[in-house]
Structure formats: structure tokens, C-alpha cells
Amino acid sequence: MRGAFEQSWRLLSRDDQQVATAMSAFRGGFGRAAASSLAGASLAQLASLVDRSLLSWDGAGRYHLHPLLQRFLEEKAQLDPARAADVLERTGYLELPETLRRHDPRARPGAGRDRLPGRGVG
């Protein structure tokens, strides 16, 4: 299976690779709006990934990744930590510590940012 995934991966453009790795963050499927906001995926990119059998579409507006492909894409995402940090920022996960700080004065500013590769505090 891995060989087939690697071959498909090599055939994708860099933009499509970035979109696909961002999709690995979803659990239980996702809609077009979520794909657009998380990964910047266009309808054409989603259709292309469906045409290549990298995504499935259930006809009810939700896209799904096969669990084995999802794991493969998660591994690819780990090889690009800057991209992973961008996805976390776009989804608001890095803002959560700031929100918590407003409610708990003991929390230090920027908590969580220093745990991401290439993202230090300050």
C-alpha cells in the first residue's frame, strides 16, 4: 500500500500535497467549507483529489479519507513542521492559550507556541 501512496504522492503538485496533508487533520470526514478554511482547498483541488481516489465524497457534501491514507498523510505532514504550524494557526489552536490566559491569570502569554517546531515565544 505504501508504494501506491508514494506513487500517488509524487504525481501531486506541491499545492495539492499541502492540501492533502492538511486534510489528515480531519476525523470523521469534513465539508467543503472546512477544507477551504483549514487547507485553503479549492473545489477544483477537492475534485482532483476525489478523481485520483485520494478522497471520497459521500454525495451528502462530506469528504472522507481512508484511514491508511490518512496515516500516510499525517506522516508527510510531520515532515513539514512549518506547514503543520500554519494549519494550527489557521484553525485557531494557537489562540486557545491566549483565550485561556484571559480567564486564568496564571497562564503565561504565548503558552503552546514554544511547543511547535520553528515557533518560539516572542
PDB file of N, CA and C in Angstrom:
ATOM      1  N   MET A   1       0.821  -1.195   0.000  1.00  0.00           N
ATOM      2  CA  MET A   1       0.000   0.000   0.000  1.00  0.00           C
ATOM      3  C   MET A   1       0.862   1.256   0.000  1.00  0.00           C
ATOM      4  N   ARG A   2       1.903   1.215   0.807  1.00  0.00           N
ATOM      5  CA  ARG A   2       2.752   2.396   0.930  1.00  0.00           C
ATOM      6  C   ARG A   2       3.334   2.806  -0.417  1.00  0.00           C
ATOM      7  N   GLY A   3       3.726   1.821  -1.208  1.00  0.00           N
ATOM      8  CA  GLY A   3       4.269   2.117  -2.531  1.00  0.00           C
ATOM      9  C   GLY A   3       3.257   2.826  -3.414  1.00  0.00           C
ATOM     10  N   ALA A   4       2.022   2.389  -3.351  1.00  0.00           N
ATOM     11  CA  ALA A   4       0.957   3.029  -4.138  1.00  0.00           C
ATOM     12  C   ALA A   4       0.729   4.457  -3.655  1.00  0.00           C
ATOM     13  N   PHE A   5       0.740   4.651  -2.336  1.00  0.00           N
ATOM     14  CA  PHE A   5       0.573   6.004  -1.789  1.00  0.00           C
ATOM     15  C   PHE A   5       1.727   6.904  -2.217  1.00  0.00           C
ATOM     16  N   GLU A   6       2.948   6.388  -2.155  1.00  0.00           N
ATOM     17  CA  GLU A   6       4.125   7.185  -2.545  1.00  0.00           C
ATOM     18  C   GLU A   6       4.040   7.580  -4.015  1.00  0.00           C
ATOM     19  N   GLN A   7       3.624   6.645  -4.863  1.00  0.00           N
ATOM     20  CA  GLN A   7       3.496   6.954  -6.291  1.00  0.00           C
ATOM     21  C   GLN A   7       2.458   8.049  -6.513  1.00  0.00           C
ATOM     22  N   SER A   8       1.318   7.926  -5.875  1.00  0.00           N
ATOM     23  CA  SER A   8       0.274   8.954  -5.998  1.00  0.00           C
ATOM     24  C   SER A   8       0.772  10.289  -5.473  1.00  0.00           C
ATOM     25  N   TRP A   9       1.514  10.266  -4.368  1.00  0.00           N
ATOM     26  CA  TRP A   9       2.057  11.479  -3.757  1.00  0.00           C
ATOM     27  C   TRP A   9       2.974  12.205  -4.735  1.00  0.00           C
ATOM     28  N   ARG A  10       3.841  11.459  -5.396  1.00  0.00           N
ATOM     29  CA  ARG A  10       4.791  12.071  -6.341  1.00  0.00           C
ATOM     30  C   ARG A  10       4.088  12.721  -7.529  1.00  0.00           C
ATOM     31  N   LEU A  11       2.902  12.238  -7.870  1.00  0.00           N
ATOM     32  CA  LEU A  11       2.163  12.794  -9.002  1.00  0.00           C
ATOM     33  C   LEU A  11       1.406  14.074  -8.658  1.00  0.00           C
ATOM     34  N   LEU A  12       1.299  14.394  -7.370  1.00  0.00           N
ATOM     35  CA  LEU A  12       0.587  15.601  -6.952  1.00  0.00           C
ATOM     36  C   LEU A  12       1.473  16.833  -7.065  1.00  0.00           C
ATOM     37  N   SER A  13       0.859  17.952  -7.370  1.00  0.00           N
ATOM     38  CA  SER A  13       1.592  19.221  -7.328  1.00  0.00           C
ATOM     39  C   SER A  13       1.901  19.548  -5.869  1.00  0.00           C
ATOM     40  N   ARG A  14       2.820  20.465  -5.638  1.00  0.00           N
ATOM     41  CA  ARG A  14       3.159  20.881  -4.265  1.00  0.00           C
ATOM     42  C   ARG A  14       1.918  21.428  -3.563  1.00  0.00           C
ATOM     43  N   ASP A  15       1.113  22.211  -4.262  1.00  0.00           N
ATOM     44  CA  ASP A  15      -0.117  22.754  -3.656  1.00  0.00           C
ATOM     45  C   ASP A  15      -1.078  21.636  -3.260  1.00  0.00           C
ATOM     46  N   ASP A  16      -1.242  20.658  -4.132  1.00  0.00           N
ATOM     47  CA  ASP A  16      -2.137  19.542  -3.817  1.00  0.00           C
ATOM     48  C   ASP A  16      -1.579  18.696  -2.669  1.00  0.00           C
ATOM     49  N   GLN A  17      -0.265  18.564  -2.601  1.00  0.00           N
ATOM     50  CA  GLN A  17       0.346  17.857  -1.467  1.00  0.00           C
ATOM     51  C   GLN A  17       0.039  18.577  -0.159  1.00  0.00           C
ATOM     52  N   GLN A  18       0.141  19.905  -0.168  1.00  0.00           N
ATOM     53  CA  GLN A  18      -0.144  20.671   1.043  1.00  0.00           C
ATOM     54  C   GLN A  18      -1.607  20.534   1.452  1.00  0.00           C
ATOM     55  N   VAL A  19      -2.494  20.589   0.492  1.00  0.00           N
ATOM     56  CA  VAL A  19      -3.920  20.421   0.783  1.00  0.00           C
ATOM     57  C   VAL A  19      -4.168  19.028   1.356  1.00  0.00           C
ATOM     58  N   ALA A  20      -3.601  18.010   0.738  1.00  0.00           N
ATOM     59  CA  ALA A  20      -3.816  16.631   1.184  1.00  0.00           C
ATOM     60  C   ALA A  20      -3.297  16.414   2.604  1.00  0.00           C
ATOM     61  N   THR A  21      -2.116  16.942   2.909  1.00  0.00           N
ATOM     62  CA  THR A  21      -1.594  16.752   4.264  1.00  0.00           C
ATOM     63  C   THR A  21      -2.458  17.483   5.290  1.00  0.00           C
ATOM     64  N   ALA A  22      -2.973  18.639   4.931  1.00  0.00           N
ATOM     65  CA  ALA A  22      -3.853  19.358   5.854  1.00  0.00           C
ATOM     66  C   ALA A  22      -5.129  18.564   6.109  1.00  0.00           C
ATOM     67  N   MET A  23      -5.613  17.843   5.107  1.00  0.00           N
ATOM     68  CA  MET A  23      -6.832  17.040   5.263  1.00  0.00           C
ATOM     69  C   MET A  23      -6.655  15.935   6.300  1.00  0.00           C
ATOM     70  N   SER A  24      -5.411  15.523   6.535  1.00  0.00           N
ATOM     71  CA  SER A  24      -5.184  14.445   7.507  1.00  0.00           C
ATOM     72  C   SER A  24      -5.566  14.866   8.924  1.00  0.00           C
ATOM     73  N   ALA A  25      -5.762  16.154   9.159  1.00  0.00           N
ATOM     74  CA  ALA A  25      -6.151  16.638  10.489  1.00  0.00           C
ATOM     75  C   ALA A  25      -7.616  16.344  10.795  1.00  0.00           C
ATOM     76  N   PHE A  26      -8.416  16.090   9.778  1.00  0.00           N
ATOM     77  CA  PHE A  26      -9.844  15.842   9.982  1.00  0.00           C
ATOM     78  C   PHE A  26     -10.094  14.416  10.443  1.00  0.00           C
ATOM     79  N   ARG A  27     -11.066  14.275  11.328  1.00  0.00           N
ATOM     80  CA  ARG A  27     -11.530  12.955  11.770  1.00  0.00           C
ATOM     81  C   ARG A  27     -13.017  12.854  11.449  1.00  0.00           C
ATOM     82  N   GLY A  28     -13.428  11.751  10.875  1.00  0.00           N
ATOM     83  CA  GLY A  28     -14.839  11.540  10.605  1.00  0.00           C
ATOM     84  C   GLY A  28     -15.384  12.296   9.411  1.00  0.00           C
ATOM     85  N   GLY A  29     -14.530  12.728   8.529  1.00  0.00           N
ATOM     86  CA  GLY A  29     -14.965  13.443   7.346  1.00  0.00           C
ATOM     87  C   GLY A  29     -15.028  14.945   7.574  1.00  0.00           C
ATOM     88  N   PHE A  30     -15.276  15.664   6.488  1.00  0.00           N
ATOM     89  CA  PHE A  30     -15.286  17.129   6.531  1.00  0.00           C
ATOM     90  C   PHE A  30     -16.027  17.659   5.328  1.00  0.00           C
ATOM     91  N   GLY A  31     -16.517  18.872   5.464  1.00  0.00           N
ATOM     92  CA  GLY A  31     -17.219  19.536   4.374  1.00  0.00           C
ATOM     93  C   GLY A  31     -16.295  20.450   3.593  1.00  0.00           C
ATOM     94  N   ARG A  32     -16.841  20.987   2.514  1.00  0.00           N
ATOM     95  CA  ARG A  32     -16.058  21.871   1.642  1.00  0.00           C
ATOM     96  C   ARG A  32     -15.589  23.128   2.381  1.00  0.00           C
ATOM     97  N   ALA A  33     -16.460  23.715   3.206  1.00  0.00           N
ATOM     98  CA  ALA A  33     -16.086  24.942   3.922  1.00  0.00           C
ATOM     99  C   ALA A  33     -14.923  24.694   4.869  1.00  0.00           C
ATOM    100  N   ALA A  34     -14.944  23.562   5.565  1.00  0.00           N
ATOM    101  CA  ALA A  34     -13.845  23.242   6.474  1.00  0.00           C
ATOM    102  C   ALA A  34     -12.551  23.026   5.697  1.00  0.00           C
ATOM    103  N   ALA A  35     -12.632  22.350   4.561  1.00  0.00           N
ATOM    104  CA  ALA A  35     -11.439  22.117   3.739  1.00  0.00           C
ATOM    105  C   ALA A  35     -10.871  23.433   3.235  1.00  0.00           C
ATOM    106  N   SER A  36     -11.745  24.346   2.889  1.00  0.00           N
ATOM    107  CA  SER A  36     -11.309  25.644   2.397  1.00  0.00           C
ATOM    108  C   SER A  36     -10.649  26.457   3.502  1.00  0.00           C
ATOM    109  N   SER A  37     -11.251  26.478   4.685  1.00  0.00           N
ATOM    110  CA  SER A  37     -10.692  27.308   5.754  1.00  0.00           C
ATOM    111  C   SER A  37      -9.436  26.696   6.352  1.00  0.00           C
ATOM    112  N   LEU A  38      -9.386  25.380   6.484  1.00  0.00           N
ATOM    113  CA  LEU A  38      -8.218  24.739   7.090  1.00  0.00           C
ATOM    114  C   LEU A  38      -7.050  24.665   6.124  1.00  0.00           C
ATOM    115  N   ALA A  39      -7.328  24.260   4.899  1.00  0.00           N
ATOM    116  CA  ALA A  39      -6.248  23.964   3.959  1.00  0.00           C
ATOM    117  C   ALA A  39      -6.185  24.903   2.777  1.00  0.00           C
ATOM    118  N   GLY A  40      -7.158  25.798   2.674  1.00  0.00           N
ATOM    119  CA  GLY A  40      -7.198  26.659   1.511  1.00  0.00           C
ATOM    120  C   GLY A  40      -7.545  25.882   0.250  1.00  0.00           C
ATOM    121  N   ALA A  41      -8.245  24.760   0.424  1.00  0.00           N
ATOM    122  CA  ALA A  41      -8.571  23.891  -0.706  1.00  0.00           C
ATOM    123  C   ALA A  41      -9.675  24.490  -1.563  1.00  0.00           C
ATOM    124  N   SER A  42      -9.436  24.522  -2.843  1.00  0.00           N
ATOM    125  CA  SER A  42     -10.463  24.973  -3.786  1.00  0.00           C
ATOM    126  C   SER A  42     -11.336  23.781  -4.169  1.00  0.00           C
ATOM    127  N   LEU A  43     -12.484  24.066  -4.746  1.00  0.00           N
ATOM    128  CA  LEU A  43     -13.357  22.995  -5.221  1.00  0.00           C
ATOM    129  C   LEU A  43     -12.637  22.159  -6.272  1.00  0.00           C
ATOM    130  N   ALA A  44     -11.865  22.810  -7.128  1.00  0.00           N
ATOM    131  CA  ALA A  44     -11.113  22.082  -8.157  1.00  0.00           C
ATOM    132  C   ALA A  44     -10.092  21.131  -7.529  1.00  0.00           C
ATOM    133  N   GLN A  45      -9.428  21.560  -6.453  1.00  0.00           N
ATOM    134  CA  GLN A  45      -8.464  20.677  -5.786  1.00  0.00           C
ATOM    135  C   GLN A  45      -9.170  19.490  -5.139  1.00  0.00           C
ATOM    136  N   LEU A  46     -10.291  19.751  -4.491  1.00  0.00           N
ATOM    137  CA  LEU A  46     -11.039  18.654  -3.873  1.00  0.00           C
ATOM    138  C   LEU A  46     -11.491  17.656  -4.942  1.00  0.00           C
ATOM    139  N   ALA A  47     -12.006  18.166  -6.066  1.00  0.00           N
ATOM    140  CA  ALA A  47     -12.445  17.294  -7.158  1.00  0.00           C
ATOM    141  C   ALA A  47     -11.275  16.489  -7.711  1.00  0.00           C
ATOM    142  N   SER A  48     -10.119  17.125  -7.825  1.00  0.00           N
ATOM    143  CA  SER A  48      -8.934  16.431  -8.323  1.00  0.00           C
ATOM    144  C   SER A  48      -8.527  15.293  -7.387  1.00  0.00           C
ATOM    145  N   LEU A  49      -8.572  15.539  -6.084  1.00  0.00           N
ATOM    146  CA  LEU A  49      -8.213  14.502  -5.116  1.00  0.00           C
ATOM    147  C   LEU A  49      -9.239  13.366  -5.119  1.00  0.00           C
ATOM    148  N   VAL A  50     -10.501  13.688  -5.348  1.00  0.00           N
ATOM    149  CA  VAL A  50     -11.530  12.648  -5.491  1.00  0.00           C
ATOM    150  C   VAL A  50     -11.270  11.849  -6.769  1.00  0.00           C
ATOM    151  N   ASP A  51     -10.982  12.542  -7.880  1.00  0.00           N
ATOM    152  CA  ASP A  51     -10.711  11.867  -9.155  1.00  0.00           C
ATOM    153  C   ASP A  51      -9.517  10.918  -9.049  1.00  0.00           C
ATOM    154  N   ARG A  52      -8.566  11.261  -8.207  1.00  0.00           N
ATOM    155  CA  ARG A  52      -7.371  10.430  -8.025  1.00  0.00           C
ATOM    156  C   ARG A  52      -7.566   9.375  -6.937  1.00  0.00           C
ATOM    157  N   SER A  53      -8.781   9.303  -6.413  1.00  0.00           N
ATOM    158  CA  SER A  53      -9.145   8.344  -5.360  1.00  0.00           C
ATOM    159  C   SER A  53      -8.384   8.566  -4.059  1.00  0.00           C
ATOM    160  N   LEU A  54      -7.941   9.798  -3.836  1.00  0.00           N
ATOM    161  CA  LEU A  54      -7.288  10.124  -2.576  1.00  0.00           C
ATOM    162  C   LEU A  54      -8.294  10.620  -1.543  1.00  0.00           C
ATOM    163  N   LEU A  55      -9.413  11.098  -2.006  1.00  0.00           N
ATOM    164  CA  LEU A  55     -10.541  11.481  -1.170  1.00  0.00           C
ATOM    165  C   LEU A  55     -11.769  10.775  -1.713  1.00  0.00           C
ATOM    166  N   SER A  56     -12.702  10.493  -0.831  1.00  0.00           N
ATOM    167  CA  SER A  56     -14.001  10.021  -1.310  1.00  0.00           C
ATOM    168  C   SER A  56     -15.046  11.058  -0.929  1.00  0.00           C
ATOM    169  N   TRP A  57     -16.088  11.105  -1.713  1.00  0.00           N
ATOM    170  CA  TRP A  57     -17.182  12.054  -1.486  1.00  0.00           C
ATOM    171  C   TRP A  57     -18.439  11.239  -1.310  1.00  0.00           C
ATOM    172  N   ASP A  58     -19.194  11.503  -0.245  1.00  0.00           N
ATOM    173  CA  ASP A  58     -20.350  10.661   0.057  1.00  0.00           C
ATOM    174  C   ASP A  58     -21.647  11.116  -0.598  1.00  0.00           C
ATOM    175  N   GLY A  59     -21.612  12.170  -1.392  1.00  0.00           N
ATOM    176  CA  GLY A  59     -22.812  12.652  -2.058  1.00  0.00           C
ATOM    177  C   GLY A  59     -23.679  13.534  -1.185  1.00  0.00           C
ATOM    178  N   ALA A  60     -23.397  13.567   0.099  1.00  0.00           N
ATOM    179  CA  ALA A  60     -24.155  14.400   1.038  1.00  0.00           C
ATOM    180  C   ALA A  60     -23.334  15.619   1.463  1.00  0.00           C
ATOM    181  N   GLY A  61     -22.276  15.909   0.685  1.00  0.00           N
ATOM    182  CA  GLY A  61     -21.465  17.086   0.965  1.00  0.00           C
ATOM    183  C   GLY A  61     -20.291  16.862   1.889  1.00  0.00           C
ATOM    184  N   ARG A  62     -19.952  15.608   2.176  1.00  0.00           N
ATOM    185  CA  ARG A  62     -18.816  15.331   3.062  1.00  0.00           C
ATOM    186  C   ARG A  62     -17.756  14.523   2.325  1.00  0.00           C
ATOM    187  N   TYR A  63     -16.513  14.870   2.604  1.00  0.00           N
ATOM    188  CA  TYR A  63     -15.354  14.177   2.055  1.00  0.00           C
ATOM    189  C   TYR A  63     -14.760  13.301   3.149  1.00  0.00           C
ATOM    190  N   HIS A  64     -14.126  12.205   2.714  1.00  0.00           N
ATOM    191  CA  HIS A  64     -13.536  11.264   3.667  1.00  0.00           C
ATOM    192  C   HIS A  64     -12.197  10.773   3.143  1.00  0.00           C
ATOM    193  N   LEU A  65     -11.288  10.495   4.084  1.00  0.00           N
ATOM    194  CA  LEU A  65     -10.002   9.873   3.781  1.00  0.00           C
ATOM    195  C   LEU A  65     -10.023   8.444   4.301  1.00  0.00           C
ATOM    196  N   HIS A  66      -9.471   7.528   3.534  1.00  0.00           N
ATOM    197  CA  HIS A  66      -9.300   6.165   4.035  1.00  0.00           C
ATOM    198  C   HIS A  66      -8.312   6.217   5.199  1.00  0.00           C
ATOM    199  N   PRO A  67      -8.538   5.451   6.262  1.00  0.00           N
ATOM    200  CA  PRO A  67      -7.645   5.512   7.435  1.00  0.00           C
ATOM    201  C   PRO A  67      -6.170   5.262   7.126  1.00  0.00           C
ATOM    202  N   LEU A  68      -5.861   4.356   6.203  1.00  0.00           N
ATOM    203  CA  LEU A  68      -4.455   4.107   5.855  1.00  0.00           C
ATOM    204  C   LEU A  68      -3.845   5.310   5.135  1.00  0.00           C
ATOM    205  N   LEU A  69      -4.615   5.914   4.257  1.00  0.00           N
ATOM    206  CA  LEU A  69      -4.131   7.104   3.564  1.00  0.00           C
ATOM    207  C   LEU A  69      -3.993   8.262   4.546  1.00  0.00           C
ATOM    208  N   GLN A  70      -4.919   8.360   5.482  1.00  0.00           N
ATOM    209  CA  GLN A  70      -4.848   9.416   6.486  1.00  0.00           C
ATOM    210  C   GLN A  70      -3.548   9.305   7.283  1.00  0.00           C
ATOM    211  N   ARG A  71      -3.197   8.098   7.666  1.00  0.00           N
ATOM    212  CA  ARG A  71      -1.942   7.891   8.416  1.00  0.00           C
ATOM    213  C   ARG A  71      -0.727   8.272   7.562  1.00  0.00           C
ATOM    214  N   PHE A  72      -0.736   7.872   6.301  1.00  0.00           N
ATOM    215  CA  PHE A  72       0.349   8.222   5.391  1.00  0.00           C
ATOM    216  C   PHE A  72       0.491   9.748   5.296  1.00  0.00           C
ATOM    217  N   LEU A  73      -0.633  10.446   5.137  1.00  0.00           N
ATOM    218  CA  LEU A  73      -0.606  11.902   5.019  1.00  0.00           C
ATOM    219  C   LEU A  73      -0.184  12.566   6.324  1.00  0.00           C
ATOM    220  N   GLU A  74      -0.544  11.986   7.456  1.00  0.00           N
ATOM    221  CA  GLU A  74      -0.085  12.505   8.746  1.00  0.00           C
ATOM    222  C   GLU A  74       1.442  12.426   8.825  1.00  0.00           C
ATOM    223  N   GLU A  75       2.003  11.323   8.347  1.00  0.00           N
ATOM    224  CA  GLU A  75       3.461  11.175   8.336  1.00  0.00           C
ATOM    225  C   GLU A  75       4.099  12.230   7.440  1.00  0.00           C
ATOM    226  N   LYS A  76       3.507  12.472   6.287  1.00  0.00           N
ATOM    227  CA  LYS A  76       4.021  13.504   5.381  1.00  0.00           C
ATOM    228  C   LYS A  76       3.937  14.880   6.044  1.00  0.00           C
ATOM    229  N   ALA A  77       2.851  15.131   6.763  1.00  0.00           N
ATOM    230  CA  ALA A  77       2.681  16.425   7.438  1.00  0.00           C
ATOM    231  C   ALA A  77       3.765  16.627   8.490  1.00  0.00           C
ATOM    232  N   GLN A  78       4.161  15.558   9.159  1.00  0.00           N
ATOM    233  CA  GLN A  78       5.204  15.668  10.181  1.00  0.00           C
ATOM    234  C   GLN A  78       6.558  16.022   9.581  1.00  0.00           C
ATOM    235  N   LEU A  79       6.742  15.719   8.301  1.00  0.00           N
ATOM    236  CA  LEU A  79       7.993  16.058   7.628  1.00  0.00           C
ATOM    237  C   LEU A  79       8.063  17.538   7.272  1.00  0.00           C
ATOM    238  N   ASP A  80       6.940  18.244   7.394  1.00  0.00           N
ATOM    239  CA  ASP A  80       6.859  19.663   7.058  1.00  0.00           C
ATOM    240  C   ASP A  80       6.281  20.427   8.254  1.00  0.00           C
ATOM    241  N   PRO A  81       7.090  20.606   9.322  1.00  0.00           N
ATOM    242  CA  PRO A  81       6.576  21.219  10.551  1.00  0.00           C
ATOM    243  C   PRO A  81       6.078  22.648  10.369  1.00  0.00           C
ATOM    244  N   ALA A  82       6.644  23.381   9.434  1.00  0.00           N
ATOM    245  CA  ALA A  82       6.177  24.755   9.210  1.00  0.00           C
ATOM    246  C   ALA A  82       4.742  24.740   8.706  1.00  0.00           C
ATOM    247  N   ARG A  83       4.436  23.805   7.825  1.00  0.00           N
ATOM    248  CA  ARG A  83       3.065  23.668   7.313  1.00  0.00           C
ATOM    249  C   ARG A  83       2.114  23.276   8.443  1.00  0.00           C
ATOM    250  N   ALA A  84       2.548  22.357   9.301  1.00  0.00           N
ATOM    251  CA  ALA A  84       1.714  21.939  10.429  1.00  0.00           C
ATOM    252  C   ALA A  84       1.416  23.122  11.345  1.00  0.00           C
ATOM    253  N   ALA A  85       2.412  23.965  11.590  1.00  0.00           N
ATOM    254  CA  ALA A  85       2.206  25.142  12.429  1.00  0.00           C
ATOM    255  C   ALA A  85       1.236  26.117  11.775  1.00  0.00           C
ATOM    256  N   ASP A  86       1.336  26.272  10.453  1.00  0.00           N
ATOM    257  CA  ASP A  86       0.404  27.160   9.748  1.00  0.00           C
ATOM    258  C   ASP A  86      -1.031  26.664   9.866  1.00  0.00           C
ATOM    259  N   VAL A  87      -1.229  25.355   9.760  1.00  0.00           N
ATOM    260  CA  VAL A  87      -2.565  24.783   9.878  1.00  0.00           C
ATOM    261  C   VAL A  87      -3.106  25.028  11.282  1.00  0.00           C
ATOM    262  N   LEU A  88      -2.262  24.824  12.291  1.00  0.00           N
ATOM    263  CA  LEU A  88      -2.704  25.062  13.667  1.00  0.00           C
ATOM    264  C   LEU A  88      -3.080  26.521  13.884  1.00  0.00           C
ATOM    265  N   GLU A  89      -2.308  27.428  13.331  1.00  0.00           N
ATOM    266  CA  GLU A  89      -2.635  28.853  13.469  1.00  0.00           C
ATOM    267  C   GLU A  89      -3.953  29.176  12.771  1.00  0.00           C
ATOM    268  N   ARG A  90      -4.150  28.627  11.567  1.00  0.00           N
ATOM    269  CA  ARG A  90      -5.353  28.917  10.798  1.00  0.00           C
ATOM    270  C   ARG A  90      -6.608  28.412  11.503  1.00  0.00           C
ATOM    271  N   THR A  91      -6.495  27.298  12.199  1.00  0.00           N
ATOM    272  CA  THR A  91      -7.665  26.745  12.872  1.00  0.00           C
ATOM    273  C   THR A  91      -7.894  27.356  14.240  1.00  0.00           C
ATOM    274  N   GLY A  92      -6.966  28.186  14.703  1.00  0.00           N
ATOM    275  CA  GLY A  92      -7.163  28.854  15.981  1.00  0.00           C
ATOM    276  C   GLY A  92      -6.602  28.107  17.171  1.00  0.00           C
ATOM    277  N   TYR A  93      -5.950  26.972  16.957  1.00  0.00           N
ATOM    278  CA  TYR A  93      -5.425  26.229  18.093  1.00  0.00           C
ATOM    279  C   TYR A  93      -4.365  27.020  18.856  1.00  0.00           C
ATOM    280  N   LEU A  94      -3.630  27.871  18.164  1.00  0.00           N
ATOM    281  CA  LEU A  94      -2.618  28.657  18.861  1.00  0.00           C
ATOM    282  C   LEU A  94      -3.228  29.829  19.623  1.00  0.00           C
ATOM    283  N   GLU A  95      -4.442  30.177  19.296  1.00  0.00           N
ATOM    284  CA  GLU A  95      -5.108  31.257  20.017  1.00  0.00           C
ATOM    285  C   GLU A  95      -5.734  30.760  21.307  1.00  0.00           C
ATOM    286  N   LEU A  96      -5.971  29.477  21.427  1.00  0.00           N
ATOM    287  CA  LEU A  96      -6.601  28.935  22.611  1.00  0.00           C
ATOM    288  C   LEU A  96      -5.846  29.295  23.886  1.00  0.00           C
ATOM    289  N   PRO A  97      -4.516  29.139  23.942  1.00  0.00           N
ATOM    290  CA  PRO A  97      -3.824  29.529  25.174  1.00  0.00           C
ATOM    291  C   PRO A  97      -4.033  31.007  25.518  1.00  0.00           C
ATOM    292  N   GLU A  98      -4.090  31.876  24.531  1.00  0.00           N
ATOM    293  CA  GLU A  98      -4.317  33.294  24.803  1.00  0.00           C
ATOM    294  C   GLU A  98      -5.706  33.507  25.394  1.00  0.00           C
ATOM    295  N   THR A  99      -6.685  32.776  24.891  1.00  0.00           N
ATOM    296  CA  THR A  99      -8.041  32.870  25.423  1.00  0.00           C
ATOM    297  C   THR A  99      -8.064  32.371  26.863  1.00  0.00           C
ATOM    298  N   LEU A 100      -7.387  31.273  27.116  1.00  0.00           N
ATOM    299  CA  LEU A 100      -7.339  30.747  28.479  1.00  0.00           C
ATOM    300  C   LEU A 100      -6.652  31.719  29.423  1.00  0.00           C
ATOM    301  N   ARG A 101      -5.623  32.394  28.948  1.00  0.00           N
ATOM    302  CA  ARG A 101      -4.895  33.345  29.781  1.00  0.00           C
ATOM    303  C   ARG A 101      -5.805  34.460  30.280  1.00  0.00           C
ATOM    304  N   ARG A 102      -6.738  34.879  29.434  1.00  0.00           N
ATOM    305  CA  ARG A 102      -7.661  35.929  29.850  1.00  0.00           C
ATOM    306  C   ARG A 102      -8.536  35.467  31.009  1.00  0.00           C
ATOM    307  N   HIS A 103      -8.764  34.158  31.078  1.00  0.00           N
ATOM    308  CA  HIS A 103      -9.616  33.616  32.138  1.00  0.00           C
ATOM    309  C   HIS A 103      -8.812  33.066  33.311  1.00  0.00           C
ATOM    310  N   ASP A 104      -7.534  32.844  33.120  1.00  0.00           N
ATOM    311  CA  ASP A 104      -6.677  32.326  34.184  1.00  0.00           C
ATOM    312  C   ASP A 104      -5.374  33.114  34.170  1.00  0.00           C
ATOM    313  N   PRO A 105      -5.229  34.098  35.045  1.00  0.00           N
ATOM    314  CA  PRO A 105      -4.045  34.954  35.030  1.00  0.00           C
ATOM    315  C   PRO A 105      -2.740  34.219  35.298  1.00  0.00           C
ATOM    316  N   ARG A 106      -2.817  32.970  35.752  1.00  0.00           N
ATOM    317  CA  ARG A 106      -1.587  32.207  35.996  1.00  0.00           C
ATOM    318  C   ARG A 106      -0.976  31.682  34.707  1.00  0.00           C
ATOM    319  N   ALA A 107      -1.772  31.600  33.651  1.00  0.00           N
ATOM    320  CA  ALA A 107      -1.258  31.109  32.366  1.00  0.00           C
ATOM    321  C   ALA A 107      -0.314  32.136  31.773  1.00  0.00           C
ATOM    322  N   ARG A 108       0.807  31.673  31.264  1.00  0.00           N
ATOM    323  CA  ARG A 108       1.783  32.620  30.707  1.00  0.00           C
ATOM    324  C   ARG A 108       1.462  32.940  29.255  1.00  0.00           C
ATOM    325  N   PRO A 109       1.715  34.165  28.803  1.00  0.00           N
ATOM    326  CA  PRO A 109       1.447  34.542  27.410  1.00  0.00           C
ATOM    327  C   PRO A 109       2.225  33.658  26.438  1.00  0.00           C
ATOM    328  N   GLY A 110       1.584  33.309  25.335  1.00  0.00           N
ATOM    329  CA  GLY A 110       2.244  32.525  24.294  1.00  0.00           C
ATOM    330  C   GLY A 110       2.365  31.052  24.612  1.00  0.00           C
ATOM    331  N   ALA A 111       1.731  30.591  25.685  1.00  0.00           N
ATOM    332  CA  ALA A 111       1.819  29.175  26.043  1.00  0.00           C
ATOM    333  C   ALA A 111       1.370  28.331  24.854  1.00  0.00           C
ATOM    334  N   GLY A 112       2.127  27.316  24.570  1.00  0.00           N
ATOM    335  CA  GLY A 112       1.782  26.432  23.458  1.00  0.00           C
ATOM    336  C   GLY A 112       2.588  26.735  22.219  1.00  0.00           C
ATOM    337  N   ARG A 113       2.906  28.006  21.963  1.00  0.00           N
ATOM    338  CA  ARG A 113       3.659  28.355  20.754  1.00  0.00           C
ATOM    339  C   ARG A 113       5.066  27.767  20.779  1.00  0.00           C
ATOM    340  N   ASP A 114       5.664  27.670  21.973  1.00  0.00           N
ATOM    341  CA  ASP A 114       7.029  27.176  22.069  1.00  0.00           C
ATOM    342  C   ASP A 114       7.108  25.666  21.858  1.00  0.00           C
ATOM    343  N   ARG A 115       5.976  25.001  21.757  1.00  0.00           N
ATOM    344  CA  ARG A 115       5.979  23.559  21.531  1.00  0.00           C
ATOM    345  C   ARG A 115       5.946  23.204  20.058  1.00  0.00           C
ATOM    346  N   LEU A 116       5.731  24.154  19.192  1.00  0.00           N
ATOM    347  CA  LEU A 116       5.663  23.889  17.768  1.00  0.00           C
ATOM    348  C   LEU A 116       7.022  24.095  17.131  1.00  0.00           C
ATOM    349  N   PRO A 117       7.417  23.221  16.228  1.00  0.00           N
ATOM    350  CA  PRO A 117       8.696  23.379  15.535  1.00  0.00           C
ATOM    351  C   PRO A 117       8.756  24.724  14.834  1.00  0.00           C
ATOM    352  N   GLY A 118       9.823  25.441  15.027  1.00  0.00           N
ATOM    353  CA  GLY A 118      10.034  26.710  14.334  1.00  0.00           C
ATOM    354  C   GLY A 118       9.220  27.857  14.897  1.00  0.00           C
ATOM    355  N   ARG A 119       8.541  27.646  16.031  1.00  0.00           N
ATOM    356  CA  ARG A 119       7.715  28.690  16.626  1.00  0.00           C
ATOM    357  C   ARG A 119       8.125  28.894  18.067  1.00  0.00           C
ATOM    358  N   GLY A 120       8.951  29.860  18.319  1.00  0.00           N
ATOM    359  CA  GLY A 120       9.332  30.175  19.685  1.00  0.00           C
ATOM    360  C   GLY A 120       8.477  31.284  20.243  1.00  0.00           C
ATOM    361  N   VAL A 121       8.565  31.477  21.504  1.00  0.00           N
ATOM    362  CA  VAL A 121       7.825  32.575  22.154  1.00  0.00           C
ATOM    363  C   VAL A 121       8.528  33.872  21.813  1.00  0.00           C
ATOM    364  N   GLY A 122       7.749  34.893  21.497  1.00  0.00           N
ATOM    365  CA  GLY A 122       8.330  36.210  21.251  1.00  0.00           C
ATOM    366  C   GLY A 122       8.399  36.514  19.861  1.00  0.00           C
TER     367      GLY A 122
END
